[in-house]
Amino acid sequence: MTCSDFRQWLEKGRQNGVSERELAKMLGCGVNSMTRWKWYDPPYYIGLAIAAIEAGLKPWKQSCR
């Protein structure tokens, strides 16, 4: 994911009425990190997290025995 892709995803969220603070919470990061990723490519795992969100996947939880 490039910073341009990330900005497009943020814009899509805004158009759907989701704030950047809410998107940050969904990604498990801070708003400051998201600000940085608008100008510098986000880490690989952020692209994976966004793909999971877009696919409607729920967080994975390992069952304890």
PDB file of N, CA and C in Angstrom:
ATOM      1  N   MET A   1       0.844  -1.169   0.000  1.00  0.00           N
ATOM      2  CA  MET A   1       0.000   0.000   0.000  1.00  0.00           C
ATOM      3  C   MET A   1       0.889   1.231   0.000  1.00  0.00           C
ATOM      4  N   THR A   2       0.566   2.157  -0.862  1.00  0.00           N
ATOM      5  CA  THR A   2       1.317   3.415  -0.904  1.00  0.00           C
ATOM      6  C   THR A   2       0.587   4.476  -0.090  1.00  0.00           C
ATOM      7  N   CYS A   3       1.275   5.589   0.148  1.00  0.00           N
ATOM      8  CA  CYS A   3       0.630   6.679   0.879  1.00  0.00           C
ATOM      9  C   CYS A   3      -0.575   7.204   0.086  1.00  0.00           C
ATOM     10  N   SER A   4      -0.498   7.170  -1.227  1.00  0.00           N
ATOM     11  CA  SER A   4      -1.624   7.587  -2.056  1.00  0.00           C
ATOM     12  C   SER A   4      -2.824   6.660  -1.861  1.00  0.00           C
ATOM     13  N   ASP A   5      -2.575   5.352  -1.827  1.00  0.00           N
ATOM     14  CA  ASP A   5      -3.645   4.381  -1.559  1.00  0.00           C
ATOM     15  C   ASP A   5      -4.268   4.648  -0.198  1.00  0.00           C
ATOM     16  N   PHE A   6      -3.413   4.927   0.782  1.00  0.00           N
ATOM     17  CA  PHE A   6      -3.886   5.178   2.146  1.00  0.00           C
ATOM     18  C   PHE A   6      -4.785   6.419   2.180  1.00  0.00           C
ATOM     19  N   ARG A   7      -4.356   7.483   1.507  1.00  0.00           N
ATOM     20  CA  ARG A   7      -5.179   8.703   1.466  1.00  0.00           C
ATOM     21  C   ARG A   7      -6.520   8.430   0.798  1.00  0.00           C
ATOM     22  N   GLN A   8      -6.530   7.613  -0.242  1.00  0.00           N
ATOM     23  CA  GLN A   8      -7.791   7.260  -0.903  1.00  0.00           C
ATOM     24  C   GLN A   8      -8.707   6.495   0.050  1.00  0.00           C
ATOM     25  N   TRP A   9      -8.140   5.610   0.841  1.00  0.00           N
ATOM     26  CA  TRP A   9      -8.936   4.847   1.815  1.00  0.00           C
ATOM     27  C   TRP A   9      -9.514   5.783   2.873  1.00  0.00           C
ATOM     28  N   LEU A  10      -8.711   6.750   3.333  1.00  0.00           N
ATOM     29  CA  LEU A  10      -9.216   7.722   4.301  1.00  0.00           C
ATOM     30  C   LEU A  10     -10.366   8.533   3.700  1.00  0.00           C
ATOM     31  N   GLU A  11     -10.212   8.932   2.460  1.00  0.00           N
ATOM     32  CA  GLU A  11     -11.270   9.701   1.791  1.00  0.00           C
ATOM     33  C   GLU A  11     -12.541   8.865   1.661  1.00  0.00           C
ATOM     34  N   LYS A  12     -12.400   7.608   1.329  1.00  0.00           N
ATOM     35  CA  LYS A  12     -13.552   6.708   1.237  1.00  0.00           C
ATOM     36  C   LYS A  12     -14.261   6.635   2.584  1.00  0.00           C
ATOM     37  N   GLY A  13     -13.477   6.562   3.655  1.00  0.00           N
ATOM     38  CA  GLY A  13     -14.067   6.551   4.996  1.00  0.00           C
ATOM     39  C   GLY A  13     -14.829   7.833   5.277  1.00  0.00           C
ATOM     40  N   ARG A  14     -14.226   8.968   4.955  1.00  0.00           N
ATOM     41  CA  ARG A  14     -14.897  10.265   5.157  1.00  0.00           C
ATOM     42  C   ARG A  14     -16.217  10.327   4.384  1.00  0.00           C
ATOM     43  N   GLN A  15     -16.188   9.853   3.152  1.00  0.00           N
ATOM     44  CA  GLN A  15     -17.403   9.866   2.337  1.00  0.00           C
ATOM     45  C   GLN A  15     -18.500   8.988   2.930  1.00  0.00           C
ATOM     46  N   ASN A  16     -18.090   7.969   3.686  1.00  0.00           N
ATOM     47  CA  ASN A  16     -19.049   7.074   4.340  1.00  0.00           C
ATOM     48  C   ASN A  16     -19.374   7.518   5.763  1.00  0.00           C
ATOM     49  N   GLY A  17     -18.899   8.709   6.140  1.00  0.00           N
ATOM     50  CA  GLY A  17     -19.229   9.253   7.454  1.00  0.00           C
ATOM     51  C   GLY A  17     -18.403   8.715   8.610  1.00  0.00           C
ATOM     52  N   VAL A  18     -17.228   8.156   8.312  1.00  0.00           N
ATOM     53  CA  VAL A  18     -16.360   7.615   9.352  1.00  0.00           C
ATOM     54  C   VAL A  18     -15.205   8.584   9.568  1.00  0.00           C
ATOM     55  N   SER A  19     -14.996   9.004  10.800  1.00  0.00           N
ATOM     56  CA  SER A  19     -13.938   9.963  11.102  1.00  0.00           C
ATOM     57  C   SER A  19     -12.570   9.287  11.098  1.00  0.00           C
ATOM     58  N   GLU A  20     -11.536  10.107  10.984  1.00  0.00           N
ATOM     59  CA  GLU A  20     -10.176   9.552  11.036  1.00  0.00           C
ATOM     60  C   GLU A  20      -9.906   8.914  12.393  1.00  0.00           C
ATOM     61  N   ARG A  21     -10.464   9.476  13.448  1.00  0.00           N
ATOM     62  CA  ARG A  21     -10.287   8.886  14.784  1.00  0.00           C
ATOM     63  C   ARG A  21     -10.892   7.488  14.841  1.00  0.00           C
ATOM     64  N   GLU A  22     -12.065   7.322  14.225  1.00  0.00           N
ATOM     65  CA  GLU A  22     -12.702   6.006  14.186  1.00  0.00           C
ATOM     66  C   GLU A  22     -11.892   5.028  13.335  1.00  0.00           C
ATOM     67  N   LEU A  23     -11.363   5.514  12.214  1.00  0.00           N
ATOM     68  CA  LEU A  23     -10.531   4.652  11.365  1.00  0.00           C
ATOM     69  C   LEU A  23      -9.262   4.238  12.101  1.00  0.00           C
ATOM     70  N   ALA A  24      -8.668   5.163  12.857  1.00  0.00           N
ATOM     71  CA  ALA A  24      -7.473   4.835  13.636  1.00  0.00           C
ATOM     72  C   ALA A  24      -7.787   3.743  14.651  1.00  0.00           C
ATOM     73  N   LYS A  25      -8.942   3.854  15.295  1.00  0.00           N
ATOM     74  CA  LYS A  25      -9.336   2.834  16.271  1.00  0.00           C
ATOM     75  C   LYS A  25      -9.507   1.479  15.595  1.00  0.00           C
ATOM     76  N   MET A  26     -10.089   1.477  14.388  1.00  0.00           N
ATOM     77  CA  MET A  26     -10.263   0.230  13.651  1.00  0.00           C
ATOM     78  C   MET A  26      -8.922  -0.413  13.321  1.00  0.00           C
ATOM     79  N   LEU A  27      -7.924   0.431  13.025  1.00  0.00           N
ATOM     80  CA  LEU A  27      -6.589  -0.075  12.682  1.00  0.00           C
ATOM     81  C   LEU A  27      -5.744  -0.374  13.916  1.00  0.00           C
ATOM     82  N   GLY A  28      -6.176   0.111  15.072  1.00  0.00           N
ATOM     83  CA  GLY A  28      -5.400  -0.101  16.296  1.00  0.00           C
ATOM     84  C   GLY A  28      -4.166   0.778  16.352  1.00  0.00           C
ATOM     85  N   CYS A  29      -4.282   1.989  15.820  1.00  0.00           N
ATOM     86  CA  CYS A  29      -3.138   2.903  15.802  1.00  0.00           C
ATOM     87  C   CYS A  29      -3.599   4.288  16.251  1.00  0.00           C
ATOM     88  N   GLY A  30      -2.660   5.185  16.348  1.00  0.00           N
ATOM     89  CA  GLY A  30      -2.976   6.553  16.715  1.00  0.00           C
ATOM     90  C   GLY A  30      -3.198   7.430  15.496  1.00  0.00           C
ATOM     91  N   VAL A  31      -3.861   8.546  15.725  1.00  0.00           N
ATOM     92  CA  VAL A  31      -4.120   9.496  14.649  1.00  0.00           C
ATOM     93  C   VAL A  31      -2.801  10.062  14.113  1.00  0.00           C
ATOM     94  N   ASN A  32      -1.806  10.237  14.977  1.00  0.00           N
ATOM     95  CA  ASN A  32      -0.507  10.750  14.522  1.00  0.00           C
ATOM     96  C   ASN A  32       0.138   9.802  13.515  1.00  0.00           C
ATOM     97  N   SER A  33       0.004   8.510  13.735  1.00  0.00           N
ATOM     98  CA  SER A  33       0.550   7.536  12.774  1.00  0.00           C
ATOM     99  C   SER A  33      -0.148   7.677  11.432  1.00  0.00           C
ATOM    100  N   MET A  34      -1.448   7.849  11.479  1.00  0.00           N
ATOM    101  CA  MET A  34      -2.191   7.993  10.230  1.00  0.00           C
ATOM    102  C   MET A  34      -1.776   9.261   9.489  1.00  0.00           C
ATOM    103  N   THR A  35      -1.504  10.315  10.229  1.00  0.00           N
ATOM    104  CA  THR A  35      -1.032  11.556   9.604  1.00  0.00           C
ATOM    105  C   THR A  35       0.289  11.317   8.887  1.00  0.00           C
ATOM    106  N   ARG A  36       1.181  10.564   9.507  1.00  0.00           N
ATOM    107  CA  ARG A  36       2.476  10.249   8.896  1.00  0.00           C
ATOM    108  C   ARG A  36       2.281   9.416   7.635  1.00  0.00           C
ATOM    109  N   TRP A  37       1.336   8.476   7.672  1.00  0.00           N
ATOM    110  CA  TRP A  37       1.123   7.586   6.527  1.00  0.00           C
ATOM    111  C   TRP A  37       0.459   8.285   5.358  1.00  0.00           C
ATOM    112  N   LYS A  38      -0.048   9.468   5.552  1.00  0.00           N
ATOM    113  CA  LYS A  38      -0.575  10.243   4.422  1.00  0.00           C
ATOM    114  C   LYS A  38       0.562  10.697   3.511  1.00  0.00           C
ATOM    115  N   TRP A  39       1.777  10.786   4.062  1.00  0.00           N
ATOM    116  CA  TRP A  39       2.935  11.303   3.322  1.00  0.00           C
ATOM    117  C   TRP A  39       4.019  10.266   3.095  1.00  0.00           C
ATOM    118  N   TYR A  40       4.043   9.219   3.911  1.00  0.00           N
ATOM    119  CA  TYR A  40       5.022   8.133   3.793  1.00  0.00           C
ATOM    120  C   TYR A  40       4.259   6.817   3.783  1.00  0.00           C
ATOM    121  N   ASP A  41       4.682   5.891   2.963  1.00  0.00           N
ATOM    122  CA  ASP A  41       3.973   4.615   2.849  1.00  0.00           C
ATOM    123  C   ASP A  41       3.788   3.962   4.215  1.00  0.00           C
ATOM    124  N   PRO A  42       2.573   3.485   4.493  1.00  0.00           N
ATOM    125  CA  PRO A  42       2.334   2.804   5.767  1.00  0.00           C
ATOM    126  C   PRO A  42       3.018   1.443   5.784  1.00  0.00           C
ATOM    127  N   PRO A  43       3.211   0.880   6.980  1.00  0.00           N
ATOM    128  CA  PRO A  43       3.801  -0.458   7.065  1.00  0.00           C
ATOM    129  C   PRO A  43       2.925  -1.493   6.348  1.00  0.00           C
ATOM    130  N   TYR A  44       3.545  -2.563   5.954  1.00  0.00           N
ATOM    131  CA  TYR A  44       2.864  -3.623   5.220  1.00  0.00           C
ATOM    132  C   TYR A  44       1.628  -4.126   5.962  1.00  0.00           C
ATOM    133  N   TYR A  45       1.746  -4.283   7.290  1.00  0.00           N
ATOM    134  CA  TYR A  45       0.642  -4.837   8.065  1.00  0.00           C
ATOM    135  C   TYR A  45      -0.588  -3.918   8.057  1.00  0.00           C
ATOM    136  N   ILE A  46      -0.409  -2.634   7.843  1.00  0.00           N
ATOM    137  CA  ILE A  46      -1.546  -1.723   7.763  1.00  0.00           C
ATOM    138  C   ILE A  46      -2.337  -2.000   6.477  1.00  0.00           C
ATOM    139  N   GLY A  47      -1.641  -2.263   5.395  1.00  0.00           N
ATOM    140  CA  GLY A  47      -2.318  -2.654   4.158  1.00  0.00           C
ATOM    141  C   GLY A  47      -3.110  -3.943   4.338  1.00  0.00           C
ATOM    142  N   LEU A  48      -2.533  -4.890   5.075  1.00  0.00           N
ATOM    143  CA  LEU A  48      -3.242  -6.139   5.354  1.00  0.00           C
ATOM    144  C   LEU A  48      -4.467  -5.889   6.225  1.00  0.00           C
ATOM    145  N   ALA A  49      -4.315  -5.042   7.231  1.00  0.00           N
ATOM    146  CA  ALA A  49      -5.435  -4.725   8.122  1.00  0.00           C
ATOM    147  C   ALA A  49      -6.566  -4.058   7.341  1.00  0.00           C
ATOM    148  N   ILE A  50      -6.215  -3.136   6.457  1.00  0.00           N
ATOM    149  CA  ILE A  50      -7.231  -2.458   5.651  1.00  0.00           C
ATOM    150  C   ILE A  50      -7.923  -3.460   4.724  1.00  0.00           C
ATOM    151  N   ALA A  51      -7.159  -4.367   4.141  1.00  0.00           N
ATOM    152  CA  ALA A  51      -7.759  -5.399   3.285  1.00  0.00           C
ATOM    153  C   ALA A  51      -8.743  -6.244   4.087  1.00  0.00           C
ATOM    154  N   ALA A  52      -8.387  -6.580   5.321  1.00  0.00           N
ATOM    155  CA  ALA A  52      -9.277  -7.370   6.178  1.00  0.00           C
ATOM    156  C   ALA A  52     -10.537  -6.587   6.519  1.00  0.00           C
ATOM    157  N   ILE A  53     -10.386  -5.298   6.832  1.00  0.00           N
ATOM    158  CA  ILE A  53     -11.542  -4.452   7.139  1.00  0.00           C
ATOM    159  C   ILE A  53     -12.466  -4.381   5.927  1.00  0.00           C
ATOM    160  N   GLU A  54     -11.878  -4.143   4.759  1.00  0.00           N
ATOM    161  CA  GLU A  54     -12.669  -4.043   3.533  1.00  0.00           C
ATOM    162  C   GLU A  54     -13.381  -5.353   3.206  1.00  0.00           C
ATOM    163  N   ALA A  55     -12.792  -6.478   3.586  1.00  0.00           N
ATOM    164  CA  ALA A  55     -13.397  -7.788   3.329  1.00  0.00           C
ATOM    165  C   ALA A  55     -14.419  -8.166   4.401  1.00  0.00           C
ATOM    166  N   GLY A  56     -14.542  -7.327   5.436  1.00  0.00           N
ATOM    167  CA  GLY A  56     -15.508  -7.598   6.502  1.00  0.00           C
ATOM    168  C   GLY A  56     -15.063  -8.640   7.499  1.00  0.00           C
ATOM    169  N   LEU A  57     -13.758  -8.892   7.559  1.00  0.00           N
ATOM    170  CA  LEU A  57     -13.247  -9.887   8.494  1.00  0.00           C
ATOM    171  C   LEU A  57     -13.215  -9.334   9.916  1.00  0.00           C
ATOM    172  N   LYS A  58     -13.476 -10.204  10.858  1.00  0.00           N
ATOM    173  CA  LYS A  58     -13.402  -9.845  12.274  1.00  0.00           C
ATOM    174  C   LYS A  58     -11.997 -10.164  12.777  1.00  0.00           C
ATOM    175  N   PRO A  59     -11.556  -9.509  13.867  1.00  0.00           N
ATOM    176  CA  PRO A  59     -10.239  -9.821  14.425  1.00  0.00           C
ATOM    177  C   PRO A  59     -10.114 -11.297  14.775  1.00  0.00           C
ATOM    178  N   TRP A  60      -8.965 -11.856  14.500  1.00  0.00           N
ATOM    179  CA  TRP A  60      -8.709 -13.249  14.806  1.00  0.00           C
ATOM    180  C   TRP A  60      -8.388 -13.392  16.273  1.00  0.00           C
ATOM    181  N   LYS A  61      -8.999 -14.370  16.922  1.00  0.00           N
ATOM    182  CA  LYS A  61      -8.712 -14.628  18.332  1.00  0.00           C
ATOM    183  C   LYS A  61      -8.449 -16.116  18.489  1.00  0.00           C
ATOM    184  N   GLN A  62      -7.319 -16.386  19.108  1.00  0.00           N
ATOM    185  CA  GLN A  62      -6.962 -17.774  19.369  1.00  0.00           C
ATOM    186  C   GLN A  62      -7.718 -18.240  20.606  1.00  0.00           C
ATOM    187  N   SER A  63      -8.268 -19.419  20.529  1.00  0.00           N
ATOM    188  CA  SER A  63      -8.992 -19.949  21.702  1.00  0.00           C
ATOM    189  C   SER A  63      -7.982 -20.519  22.685  1.00  0.00           C
ATOM    190  N   CYS A  64      -8.215 -20.243  23.936  1.00  0.00           N
ATOM    191  CA  CYS A  64      -7.345 -20.751  25.010  1.00  0.00           C
ATOM    192  C   CYS A  64      -7.914 -22.067  25.521  1.00  0.00           C
ATOM    193  N   ARG A  65      -7.011 -22.966  25.845  1.00  0.00           N
ATOM    194  CA  ARG A  65      -7.456 -24.263  26.381  1.00  0.00           C
ATOM    195  C   ARG A  65      -7.044 -24.412  27.793  1.00  0.00           C
TER     196      ARG A  65
END
